[in-house]
PDB file of N, CA and C in Angstrom:
ATOM      1  N   UNK A   1     -50.538 -11.083  83.765  1.00  0.00           N
ATOM      2  CA  UNK A   1     -51.656 -11.898  83.297  1.00  0.00           C
ATOM      3  C   UNK A   1     -51.159 -13.322  83.071  1.00  0.00           C
ATOM      4  N   UNK A   2     -51.874 -14.246  83.597  1.00  0.00           N
ATOM      5  CA  UNK A   2     -51.456 -15.637  83.468  1.00  0.00           C
ATOM      6  C   UNK A   2     -51.927 -16.215  82.137  1.00  0.00           C
ATOM      7  N   UNK A   3     -51.378 -17.346  81.818  1.00  0.00           N
ATOM      8  CA  UNK A   3     -51.713 -18.017  80.562  1.00  0.00           C
ATOM      9  C   UNK A   3     -53.190 -18.412  80.524  1.00  0.00           C
ATOM     10  N   UNK A   4     -53.748 -18.783  81.666  1.00  0.00           N
ATOM     11  CA  UNK A   4     -55.157 -19.169  81.746  1.00  0.00           C
ATOM     12  C   UNK A   4     -56.080 -18.033  81.361  1.00  0.00           C
ATOM     13  N   UNK A   5     -55.792 -16.826  81.793  1.00  0.00           N
ATOM     14  CA  UNK A   5     -56.658 -15.694  81.517  1.00  0.00           C
ATOM     15  C   UNK A   5     -56.583 -15.267  80.063  1.00  0.00           C
ATOM     16  N   UNK A   6     -55.453 -15.463  79.422  1.00  0.00           N
ATOM     17  CA  UNK A   6     -55.310 -15.078  78.011  1.00  0.00           C
ATOM     18  C   UNK A   6     -56.245 -15.889  77.115  1.00  0.00           C
ATOM     19  N   UNK A   7     -56.356 -17.159  77.371  1.00  0.00           N
ATOM     20  CA  UNK A   7     -57.127 -18.035  76.489  1.00  0.00           C
ATOM     21  C   UNK A   7     -58.523 -18.321  77.008  1.00  0.00           C
ATOM     22  N   UNK A   8     -58.943 -17.603  78.000  1.00  0.00           N
ATOM     23  CA  UNK A   8     -60.283 -17.803  78.546  1.00  0.00           C
ATOM     24  C   UNK A   8     -61.361 -17.390  77.540  1.00  0.00           C
ATOM     25  N   UNK A   9     -61.025 -16.472  76.642  1.00  0.00           N
ATOM     26  CA  UNK A   9     -62.004 -16.012  75.647  1.00  0.00           C
ATOM     27  C   UNK A   9     -62.469 -17.160  74.748  1.00  0.00           C
ATOM     28  N   UNK A  10     -61.597 -18.142  74.503  1.00  0.00           N
ATOM     29  CA  UNK A  10     -61.962 -19.250  73.634  1.00  0.00           C
ATOM     30  C   UNK A  10     -62.827 -20.292  74.331  1.00  0.00           C
ATOM     31  N   UNK A  11     -63.044 -20.130  75.611  1.00  0.00           N
ATOM     32  CA  UNK A  11     -63.858 -21.108  76.326  1.00  0.00           C
ATOM     33  C   UNK A  11     -65.324 -20.690  76.414  1.00  0.00           C
ATOM     34  N   UNK A  12     -65.667 -19.517  75.913  1.00  0.00           N
ATOM     35  CA  UNK A  12     -67.066 -19.112  75.972  1.00  0.00           C
ATOM     36  C   UNK A  12     -67.868 -19.862  74.921  1.00  0.00           C
ATOM     37  N   UNK A  13     -69.106 -20.191  75.218  1.00  0.00           N
ATOM     38  CA  UNK A  13     -69.927 -20.952  74.261  1.00  0.00           C
ATOM     39  C   UNK A  13     -70.143 -20.213  72.941  1.00  0.00           C
ATOM     40  N   UNK A  14     -70.274 -18.895  72.984  1.00  0.00           N
ATOM     41  CA  UNK A  14     -70.515 -18.140  71.757  1.00  0.00           C
ATOM     42  C   UNK A  14     -69.312 -18.197  70.822  1.00  0.00           C
ATOM     43  N   UNK A  15     -68.125 -18.048  71.375  1.00  0.00           N
ATOM     44  CA  UNK A  15     -66.913 -18.126  70.558  1.00  0.00           C
ATOM     45  C   UNK A  15     -66.767 -19.513  69.966  1.00  0.00           C
ATOM     46  N   UNK A  16     -67.027 -20.517  70.759  1.00  0.00           N
ATOM     47  CA  UNK A  16     -66.952 -21.886  70.267  1.00  0.00           C
ATOM     48  C   UNK A  16     -67.941 -22.127  69.135  1.00  0.00           C
ATOM     49  N   UNK A  17     -69.140 -21.578  69.252  1.00  0.00           N
ATOM     50  CA  UNK A  17     -70.149 -21.710  68.200  1.00  0.00           C
ATOM     51  C   UNK A  17     -69.655 -21.102  66.891  1.00  0.00           C
ATOM     52  N   UNK A  18     -69.086 -19.892  66.926  1.00  0.00           N
ATOM     53  CA  UNK A  18     -68.607 -19.236  65.714  1.00  0.00           C
ATOM     54  C   UNK A  18     -67.445 -19.987  65.088  1.00  0.00           C
ATOM     55  N   UNK A  19     -66.559 -20.510  65.895  1.00  0.00           N
ATOM     56  CA  UNK A  19     -65.441 -21.270  65.350  1.00  0.00           C
ATOM     57  C   UNK A  19     -65.908 -22.554  64.675  1.00  0.00           C
ATOM     58  N   UNK A  20     -66.839 -23.259  65.299  1.00  0.00           N
ATOM     59  CA  UNK A  20     -67.336 -24.511  64.741  1.00  0.00           C
ATOM     60  C   UNK A  20     -68.194 -24.253  63.500  1.00  0.00           C
ATOM     61  N   UNK A  21     -68.977 -23.172  63.478  1.00  0.00           N
ATOM     62  CA  UNK A  21     -69.835 -22.894  62.329  1.00  0.00           C
ATOM     63  C   UNK A  21     -69.050 -22.401  61.119  1.00  0.00           C
ATOM     64  N   UNK A  22     -67.837 -21.934  61.305  1.00  0.00           N
ATOM     65  CA  UNK A  22     -67.016 -21.460  60.180  1.00  0.00           C
ATOM     66  C   UNK A  22     -66.382 -22.612  59.423  1.00  0.00           C
ATOM     67  N   UNK A  23     -66.238 -23.752  60.031  1.00  0.00           N
ATOM     68  CA  UNK A  23     -65.566 -24.883  59.393  1.00  0.00           C
ATOM     69  C   UNK A  23     -66.294 -25.376  58.143  1.00  0.00           C
ATOM     70  N   UNK A  24     -67.626 -25.600  58.142  1.00  0.00           N
ATOM     71  CA  UNK A  24     -68.295 -26.060  56.915  1.00  0.00           C
ATOM     72  C   UNK A  24     -68.197 -25.067  55.769  1.00  0.00           C
ATOM     73  N   UNK A  25     -68.253 -23.779  56.055  1.00  0.00           N
ATOM     74  CA  UNK A  25     -68.191 -22.799  54.971  1.00  0.00           C
ATOM     75  C   UNK A  25     -66.819 -22.781  54.319  1.00  0.00           C
ATOM     76  N   UNK A  26     -65.795 -23.080  55.056  1.00  0.00           N
ATOM     77  CA  UNK A  26     -64.455 -23.128  54.474  1.00  0.00           C
ATOM     78  C   UNK A  26     -64.285 -24.331  53.562  1.00  0.00           C
ATOM     79  N   UNK A  27     -64.883 -25.448  53.899  1.00  0.00           N
ATOM     80  CA  UNK A  27     -64.752 -26.639  53.068  1.00  0.00           C
ATOM     81  C   UNK A  27     -65.662 -26.574  51.843  1.00  0.00           C
ATOM     82  N   UNK A  28     -66.792 -25.892  51.929  1.00  0.00           N
ATOM     83  CA  UNK A  28     -67.720 -25.802  50.800  1.00  0.00           C
ATOM     84  C   UNK A  28     -67.249 -24.806  49.755  1.00  0.00           C
ATOM     85  N   UNK A  29     -66.389 -23.888  50.086  1.00  0.00           N
ATOM     86  CA  UNK A  29     -65.966 -22.848  49.156  1.00  0.00           C
ATOM     87  C   UNK A  29     -65.179 -23.415  47.986  1.00  0.00           C
ATOM     88  N   UNK A  30     -64.643 -24.596  48.114  1.00  0.00           N
ATOM     89  CA  UNK A  30     -63.842 -25.178  47.042  1.00  0.00           C
ATOM     90  C   UNK A  30     -64.692 -25.702  45.882  1.00  0.00           C
ATOM     91  N   UNK A  31     -65.977 -25.929  46.108  1.00  0.00           N
ATOM     92  CA  UNK A  31     -66.837 -26.505  45.080  1.00  0.00           C
ATOM     93  C   UNK A  31     -67.304 -25.502  44.030  1.00  0.00           C
ATOM     94  N   UNK A  32     -67.240 -24.215  44.317  1.00  0.00           N
ATOM     95  CA  UNK A  32     -67.779 -23.194  43.434  1.00  0.00           C
ATOM     96  C   UNK A  32     -66.668 -22.311  42.900  1.00  0.00           C
ATOM     97  N   UNK A  33     -66.854 -21.727  41.691  1.00  0.00           N
ATOM     98  CA  UNK A  33     -65.840 -20.811  41.178  1.00  0.00           C
ATOM     99  C   UNK A  33     -65.776 -19.554  42.040  1.00  0.00           C
ATOM    100  N   UNK A  34     -64.591 -19.079  42.260  1.00  0.00           N
ATOM    101  CA  UNK A  34     -64.393 -17.891  43.081  1.00  0.00           C
ATOM    102  C   UNK A  34     -64.132 -16.706  42.166  1.00  0.00           C
ATOM    103  N   UNK A  35     -65.033 -15.729  42.199  1.00  0.00           N
ATOM    104  CA  UNK A  35     -64.857 -14.528  41.388  1.00  0.00           C
ATOM    105  C   UNK A  35     -63.892 -13.587  42.089  1.00  0.00           C
ATOM    106  N   UNK A  36     -63.138 -12.845  41.326  1.00  0.00           N
ATOM    107  CA  UNK A  36     -62.255 -11.849  41.903  1.00  0.00           C
ATOM    108  C   UNK A  36     -60.811 -12.281  41.982  1.00  0.00           C
ATOM    109  N   UNK A  37     -60.530 -13.585  41.837  1.00  0.00           N
ATOM    110  CA  UNK A  37     -59.134 -14.010  41.892  1.00  0.00           C
ATOM    111  C   UNK A  37     -58.398 -13.627  40.613  1.00  0.00           C
ATOM    112  N   UNK A  38     -59.127 -13.525  39.520  1.00  0.00           N
ATOM    113  CA  UNK A  38     -58.583 -13.038  38.244  1.00  0.00           C
ATOM    114  C   UNK A  38     -59.668 -12.167  37.625  1.00  0.00           C
ATOM    115  N   UNK A  39     -59.771 -10.884  38.033  1.00  0.00           N
ATOM    116  CA  UNK A  39     -60.891 -10.041  37.613  1.00  0.00           C
ATOM    117  C   UNK A  39     -61.004  -9.837  36.101  1.00  0.00           C
ATOM    118  N   UNK A  40     -59.949 -10.018  35.378  1.00  0.00           N
ATOM    119  CA  UNK A  40     -59.976  -9.839  33.927  1.00  0.00           C
ATOM    120  C   UNK A  40     -60.499 -11.074  33.203  1.00  0.00           C
ATOM    121  N   UNK A  41     -60.758 -12.157  33.927  1.00  0.00           N
ATOM    122  CA  UNK A  41     -61.146 -13.417  33.299  1.00  0.00           C
ATOM    123  C   UNK A  41     -62.340 -14.030  34.022  1.00  0.00           C
ATOM    124  N   UNK A  42     -63.338 -14.440  33.268  1.00  0.00           N
ATOM    125  CA  UNK A  42     -64.497 -15.114  33.850  1.00  0.00           C
ATOM    126  C   UNK A  42     -64.127 -16.573  34.112  1.00  0.00           C
ATOM    127  N   UNK A  43     -64.477 -17.116  35.298  1.00  0.00           N
ATOM    128  CA  UNK A  43     -64.165 -18.521  35.569  1.00  0.00           C
ATOM    129  C   UNK A  43     -64.820 -19.441  34.535  1.00  0.00           C
ATOM    130  N   UNK A  44     -64.114 -20.447  34.109  1.00  0.00           N
ATOM    131  CA  UNK A  44     -64.594 -21.354  33.068  1.00  0.00           C
ATOM    132  C   UNK A  44     -65.870 -22.069  33.499  1.00  0.00           C
ATOM    133  N   UNK A  45     -65.961 -22.441  34.749  1.00  0.00           N
ATOM    134  CA  UNK A  45     -67.119 -23.194  35.215  1.00  0.00           C
ATOM    135  C   UNK A  45     -68.265 -22.309  35.704  1.00  0.00           C
ATOM    136  N   UNK A  46     -68.165 -21.004  35.512  1.00  0.00           N
ATOM    137  CA  UNK A  46     -69.242 -20.098  35.944  1.00  0.00           C
ATOM    138  C   UNK A  46     -70.465 -20.275  35.048  1.00  0.00           C
ATOM    139  N   UNK A  47     -71.668 -20.207  35.615  1.00  0.00           N
ATOM    140  CA  UNK A  47     -72.870 -20.372  34.789  1.00  0.00           C
ATOM    141  C   UNK A  47     -73.056 -19.205  33.822  1.00  0.00           C
ATOM    142  N   UNK A  48     -73.662 -19.499  32.689  1.00  0.00           N
ATOM    143  CA  UNK A  48     -73.875 -18.502  31.648  1.00  0.00           C
ATOM    144  C   UNK A  48     -75.361 -18.475  31.288  1.00  0.00           C
ATOM    145  N   UNK A  49     -75.958 -17.276  31.279  1.00  0.00           N
ATOM    146  CA  UNK A  49     -77.345 -17.125  30.841  1.00  0.00           C
ATOM    147  C   UNK A  49     -77.317 -16.942  29.330  1.00  0.00           C
ATOM    148  N   UNK A  50     -77.992 -17.829  28.625  1.00  0.00           N
ATOM    149  CA  UNK A  50     -77.951 -17.782  27.169  1.00  0.00           C
ATOM    150  C   UNK A  50     -79.034 -16.899  26.581  1.00  0.00           C
ATOM    151  N   UNK A  51     -80.229 -16.883  27.196  1.00  0.00           N
ATOM    152  CA  UNK A  51     -81.305 -16.019  26.708  1.00  0.00           C
ATOM    153  C   UNK A  51     -82.321 -15.800  27.823  1.00  0.00           C
ATOM    154  N   UNK A  52     -83.054 -14.715  27.706  1.00  0.00           N
ATOM    155  CA  UNK A  52     -84.090 -14.367  28.678  1.00  0.00           C
ATOM    156  C   UNK A  52     -85.343 -14.003  27.902  1.00  0.00           C
ATOM    157  N   UNK A  53     -86.458 -14.562  28.313  1.00  0.00           N
ATOM    158  CA  UNK A  53     -87.714 -14.234  27.665  1.00  0.00           C
ATOM    159  C   UNK A  53     -88.705 -13.798  28.735  1.00  0.00           C
ATOM    160  N   UNK A  54     -89.145 -12.550  28.659  1.00  0.00           N
ATOM    161  CA  UNK A  54     -90.123 -12.031  29.612  1.00  0.00           C
ATOM    162  C   UNK A  54     -91.518 -12.225  29.039  1.00  0.00           C
ATOM    163  N   UNK A  55     -92.437 -12.679  29.898  1.00  0.00           N
ATOM    164  CA  UNK A  55     -93.804 -12.890  29.438  1.00  0.00           C
ATOM    165  C   UNK A  55     -94.623 -11.603  29.558  1.00  0.00           C
ATOM    166  N   UNK A  56     -95.872 -11.698  29.160  1.00  0.00           N
ATOM    167  CA  UNK A  56     -96.763 -10.535  29.126  1.00  0.00           C
ATOM    168  C   UNK A  56     -96.944  -9.915  30.517  1.00  0.00           C
ATOM    169  N   UNK A  57     -97.051 -10.750  31.553  1.00  0.00           N
ATOM    170  CA  UNK A  57     -97.256 -10.224  32.906  1.00  0.00           C
ATOM    171  C   UNK A  57     -96.048  -9.415  33.383  1.00  0.00           C
ATOM    172  N   UNK A  58     -94.832  -9.812  32.969  1.00  0.00           N
ATOM    173  CA  UNK A  58     -93.638  -9.054  33.338  1.00  0.00           C
ATOM    174  C   UNK A  58     -93.685  -7.656  32.722  1.00  0.00           C
ATOM    175  N   UNK A  59     -94.064  -7.579  31.446  1.00  0.00           N
ATOM    176  CA  UNK A  59     -94.172  -6.272  30.783  1.00  0.00           C
ATOM    177  C   UNK A  59     -95.267  -5.419  31.414  1.00  0.00           C
ATOM    178  N   UNK A  60     -96.400  -6.034  31.773  1.00  0.00           N
ATOM    179  CA  UNK A  60     -97.469  -5.275  32.413  1.00  0.00           C
ATOM    180  C   UNK A  60     -97.008  -4.689  33.737  1.00  0.00           C
ATOM    181  N   UNK A  61     -96.266  -5.470  34.505  1.00  0.00           N
ATOM    182  CA  UNK A  61     -95.748  -4.970  35.779  1.00  0.00           C
ATOM    183  C   UNK A  61     -94.701  -3.882  35.547  1.00  0.00           C
ATOM    184  N   UNK A  62     -93.851  -4.054  34.559  1.00  0.00           N
ATOM    185  CA  UNK A  62     -92.793  -3.083  34.292  1.00  0.00           C
ATOM    186  C   UNK A  62     -93.350  -1.759  33.779  1.00  0.00           C
ATOM    187  N   UNK A  63     -94.503  -1.795  33.142  1.00  0.00           N
ATOM    188  CA  UNK A  63     -95.069  -0.579  32.545  1.00  0.00           C
ATOM    189  C   UNK A  63     -96.243  -0.007  33.339  1.00  0.00           C
ATOM    190  N   UNK A  64     -96.346  -0.373  34.625  1.00  0.00           N
ATOM    191  CA  UNK A  64     -97.399   0.194  35.482  1.00  0.00           C
ATOM    192  C   UNK A  64     -97.265   1.709  35.505  1.00  0.00           C
ATOM    193  N   UNK A  65     -98.374   2.410  35.270  1.00  0.00           N
ATOM    194  CA  UNK A  65     -98.377   3.867  35.338  1.00  0.00           C
ATOM    195  C   UNK A  65     -97.878   4.572  34.093  1.00  0.00           C
ATOM    196  N   UNK A  66     -97.534   3.827  33.057  1.00  0.00           N
ATOM    197  CA  UNK A  66     -97.074   4.423  31.799  1.00  0.00           C
ATOM    198  C   UNK A  66     -98.143   4.153  30.751  1.00  0.00           C
ATOM    199  N   UNK A  67     -98.615   5.192  30.091  1.00  0.00           N
ATOM    200  CA  UNK A  67     -99.680   5.057  29.096  1.00  0.00           C
ATOM    201  C   UNK A  67     -99.109   4.797  27.708  1.00  0.00           C
ATOM    202  N   UNK A  68     -99.845   3.988  26.938  1.00  0.00           N
ATOM    203  CA  UNK A  68     -99.482   3.750  25.540  1.00  0.00           C
ATOM    204  C   UNK A  68     -99.861   4.982  24.735  1.00  0.00           C
ATOM    205  N   UNK A  69     -99.186   5.310  23.687  1.00  0.00           N
ATOM    206  CA  UNK A  69     -97.997   4.672  23.132  1.00  0.00           C
ATOM    207  C   UNK A  69     -96.786   4.905  24.032  1.00  0.00           C
ATOM    208  N   UNK A  70     -96.012   3.854  24.225  1.00  0.00           N
ATOM    209  CA  UNK A  70     -94.861   3.919  25.115  1.00  0.00           C
ATOM    210  C   UNK A  70     -93.733   4.716  24.467  1.00  0.00           C
ATOM    211  N   UNK A  71     -93.083   5.561  25.245  1.00  0.00           N
ATOM    212  CA  UNK A  71     -91.985   6.352  24.682  1.00  0.00           C
ATOM    213  C   UNK A  71     -90.802   5.469  24.292  1.00  0.00           C
ATOM    214  N   UNK A  72     -90.071   5.928  23.316  1.00  0.00           N
ATOM    215  CA  UNK A  72     -88.910   5.181  22.806  1.00  0.00           C
ATOM    216  C   UNK A  72     -87.889   4.911  23.913  1.00  0.00           C
ATOM    217  N   UNK A  73     -87.848   5.775  24.924  1.00  0.00           N
ATOM    218  CA  UNK A  73     -86.875   5.607  26.007  1.00  0.00           C
ATOM    219  C   UNK A  73     -87.137   4.358  26.848  1.00  0.00           C
ATOM    220  N   UNK A  74     -88.320   3.745  26.717  1.00  0.00           N
ATOM    221  CA  UNK A  74     -88.619   2.531  27.473  1.00  0.00           C
ATOM    222  C   UNK A  74     -88.347   1.253  26.686  1.00  0.00           C
ATOM    223  N   UNK A  75     -87.826   1.380  25.499  1.00  0.00           N
ATOM    224  CA  UNK A  75     -87.528   0.187  24.709  1.00  0.00           C
ATOM    225  C   UNK A  75     -86.371  -0.614  25.287  1.00  0.00           C
ATOM    226  N   UNK A  76     -85.678  -0.054  26.282  1.00  0.00           N
ATOM    227  CA  UNK A  76     -84.602  -0.811  26.931  1.00  0.00           C
ATOM    228  C   UNK A  76     -85.163  -2.063  27.620  1.00  0.00           C
ATOM    229  N   UNK A  77     -86.464  -2.061  27.906  1.00  0.00           N
ATOM    230  CA  UNK A  77     -87.076  -3.222  28.551  1.00  0.00           C
ATOM    231  C   UNK A  77     -87.004  -4.466  27.664  1.00  0.00           C
ATOM    232  N   UNK A  78     -86.945  -4.286  26.355  1.00  0.00           N
ATOM    233  CA  UNK A  78     -86.830  -5.434  25.447  1.00  0.00           C
ATOM    234  C   UNK A  78     -85.500  -6.159  25.626  1.00  0.00           C
ATOM    235  N   UNK A  79     -84.480  -5.459  26.099  1.00  0.00           N
ATOM    236  CA  UNK A  79     -83.158  -6.048  26.285  1.00  0.00           C
ATOM    237  C   UNK A  79     -82.809  -6.242  27.759  1.00  0.00           C
ATOM    238  N   UNK A  80     -83.793  -6.067  28.631  1.00  0.00           N
ATOM    239  CA  UNK A  80     -83.556  -6.197  30.065  1.00  0.00           C
ATOM    240  C   UNK A  80     -83.379  -7.664  30.419  1.00  0.00           C
ATOM    241  N   UNK A  81     -82.263  -7.989  31.030  1.00  0.00           N
ATOM    242  CA  UNK A  81     -82.004  -9.366  31.439  1.00  0.00           C
ATOM    243  C   UNK A  81     -82.646  -9.670  32.779  1.00  0.00           C
ATOM    244  N   UNK A  82     -82.133 -10.675  33.454  1.00  0.00           N
ATOM    245  CA  UNK A  82     -82.666 -11.058  34.755  1.00  0.00           C
ATOM    246  C   UNK A  82     -82.001 -10.319  35.909  1.00  0.00           C
ATOM    247  N   UNK A  83     -81.221  -9.314  35.620  1.00  0.00           N
ATOM    248  CA  UNK A  83     -80.601  -8.542  36.687  1.00  0.00           C
ATOM    249  C   UNK A  83     -81.610  -7.560  37.268  1.00  0.00           C
ATOM    250  N   UNK A  84     -81.280  -7.028  38.439  1.00  0.00           N
ATOM    251  CA  UNK A  84     -82.180  -6.114  39.135  1.00  0.00           C
ATOM    252  C   UNK A  84     -82.264  -4.771  38.413  1.00  0.00           C
ATOM    253  N   UNK A  85     -83.470  -4.243  38.313  1.00  0.00           N
ATOM    254  CA  UNK A  85     -83.675  -2.888  37.823  1.00  0.00           C
ATOM    255  C   UNK A  85     -84.729  -2.228  38.709  1.00  0.00           C
ATOM    256  N   UNK A  86     -84.484  -1.025  39.182  1.00  0.00           N
ATOM    257  CA  UNK A  86     -85.478  -0.375  40.040  1.00  0.00           C
ATOM    258  C   UNK A  86     -86.734   0.033  39.277  1.00  0.00           C
ATOM    259  N   UNK A  87     -86.697  -0.030  37.960  1.00  0.00           N
ATOM    260  CA  UNK A  87     -87.835   0.386  37.147  1.00  0.00           C
ATOM    261  C   UNK A  87     -89.026  -0.551  37.305  1.00  0.00           C
ATOM    262  N   UNK A  88     -88.798  -1.785  37.709  1.00  0.00           N
ATOM    263  CA  UNK A  88     -89.885  -2.762  37.816  1.00  0.00           C
ATOM    264  C   UNK A  88     -90.362  -2.969  39.250  1.00  0.00           C
ATOM    265  N   UNK A  89     -89.966  -2.083  40.167  1.00  0.00           N
ATOM    266  CA  UNK A  89     -90.356  -2.180  41.572  1.00  0.00           C
ATOM    267  C   UNK A  89     -90.901  -0.838  42.050  1.00  0.00           C
ATOM    268  N   UNK A  90     -91.836  -0.871  43.006  1.00  0.00           N
ATOM    269  CA  UNK A  90     -92.361   0.386  43.533  1.00  0.00           C
ATOM    270  C   UNK A  90     -91.258   1.204  44.191  1.00  0.00           C
ATOM    271  N   UNK A  91     -91.356   2.508  44.043  1.00  0.00           N
ATOM    272  CA  UNK A  91     -90.363   3.395  44.628  1.00  0.00           C
ATOM    273  C   UNK A  91     -90.916   4.138  45.821  1.00  0.00           C
ATOM    274  N   UNK A  92     -90.677   5.433  45.852  1.00  0.00           N
ATOM    275  CA  UNK A  92     -91.097   6.251  46.986  1.00  0.00           C
ATOM    276  C   UNK A  92     -92.599   6.490  46.963  1.00  0.00           C
ATOM    277  N   UNK A  93     -93.112   6.888  48.120  1.00  0.00           N
ATOM    278  CA  UNK A  93     -94.546   7.156  48.253  1.00  0.00           C
ATOM    279  C   UNK A  93     -94.799   8.662  48.187  1.00  0.00           C
ATOM    280  N   UNK A  94     -96.073   9.018  48.239  1.00  0.00           N
ATOM    281  CA  UNK A  94     -96.438  10.433  48.297  1.00  0.00           C
ATOM    282  C   UNK A  94     -96.325  11.128  46.954  1.00  0.00           C
ATOM    283  N   UNK A  95     -95.874  12.382  46.963  1.00  0.00           N
ATOM    284  CA  UNK A  95     -95.829  13.140  45.711  1.00  0.00           C
ATOM    285  C   UNK A  95     -94.780  12.615  44.726  1.00  0.00           C
ATOM    286  N   UNK A  96     -93.899  11.731  45.183  1.00  0.00           N
ATOM    287  CA  UNK A  96     -92.859  11.189  44.300  1.00  0.00           C
ATOM    288  C   UNK A  96     -93.322   9.951  43.542  1.00  0.00           C
ATOM    289  N   UNK A  97     -94.494   9.456  43.861  1.00  0.00           N
ATOM    290  CA  UNK A  97     -95.016   8.250  43.227  1.00  0.00           C
ATOM    291  C   UNK A  97     -95.734   8.631  41.929  1.00  0.00           C
ATOM    292  N   UNK A  98     -94.975   8.999  40.905  1.00  0.00           N
ATOM    293  CA  UNK A  98     -95.575   9.483  39.662  1.00  0.00           C
ATOM    294  C   UNK A  98     -96.217   8.362  38.849  1.00  0.00           C
ATOM    295  N   UNK A  99     -95.850   7.109  39.118  1.00  0.00           N
ATOM    296  CA  UNK A  99     -96.440   5.984  38.385  1.00  0.00           C
ATOM    297  C   UNK A  99     -97.597   5.340  39.142  1.00  0.00           C
ATOM    298  N   UNK A 100     -97.945   5.873  40.302  1.00  0.00           N
ATOM    299  CA  UNK A 100     -99.093   5.422  41.098  1.00  0.00           C
ATOM    300  C   UNK A 100     -98.977   3.953  41.517  1.00  0.00           C
ATOM    301  N   UNK A 101     -97.783   3.511  41.907  1.00  0.00           N
ATOM    302  CA  UNK A 101     -97.570   2.150  42.394  1.00  0.00           C
ATOM    303  C   UNK A 101     -98.249   1.946  43.744  1.00  0.00           C
ATOM    304  N   UNK A 102     -98.318   2.993  44.552  1.00  0.00           N
ATOM    305  CA  UNK A 102     -98.801   2.875  45.938  1.00  0.00           C
ATOM    306  C   UNK A 102    -100.256   3.329  46.090  1.00  0.00           C
ATOM    307  N   UNK A 103    -101.077   3.111  45.103  1.00  0.00           N
ATOM    308  CA  UNK A 103    -102.490   3.497  45.189  1.00  0.00           C
ATOM    309  C   UNK A 103    -103.217   2.655  46.183  1.00  0.00           C
TER     310      UNK A 103
END
């Protein structure tokens, strides 16, 4: 195999596109804190959520299909932050839809 054939892969337009598009992402990575380099320590410049306040519409959506008085087991919603919880989104359809999200 000649030297020309070995490096022919780098002359394709698709390969060139991927190489050129990777350059900006490498330079932008320095501006943000990188998690995982010291897993026992939170980066100093990482953003911090100080408080979360859910309005009435959020509670109405979270409690779809649940009748008042609400069971004590749902009081975790008072401490629910802005992270994802499957409790506030529709789940499976059919006989598994016990909260009637898919009516």
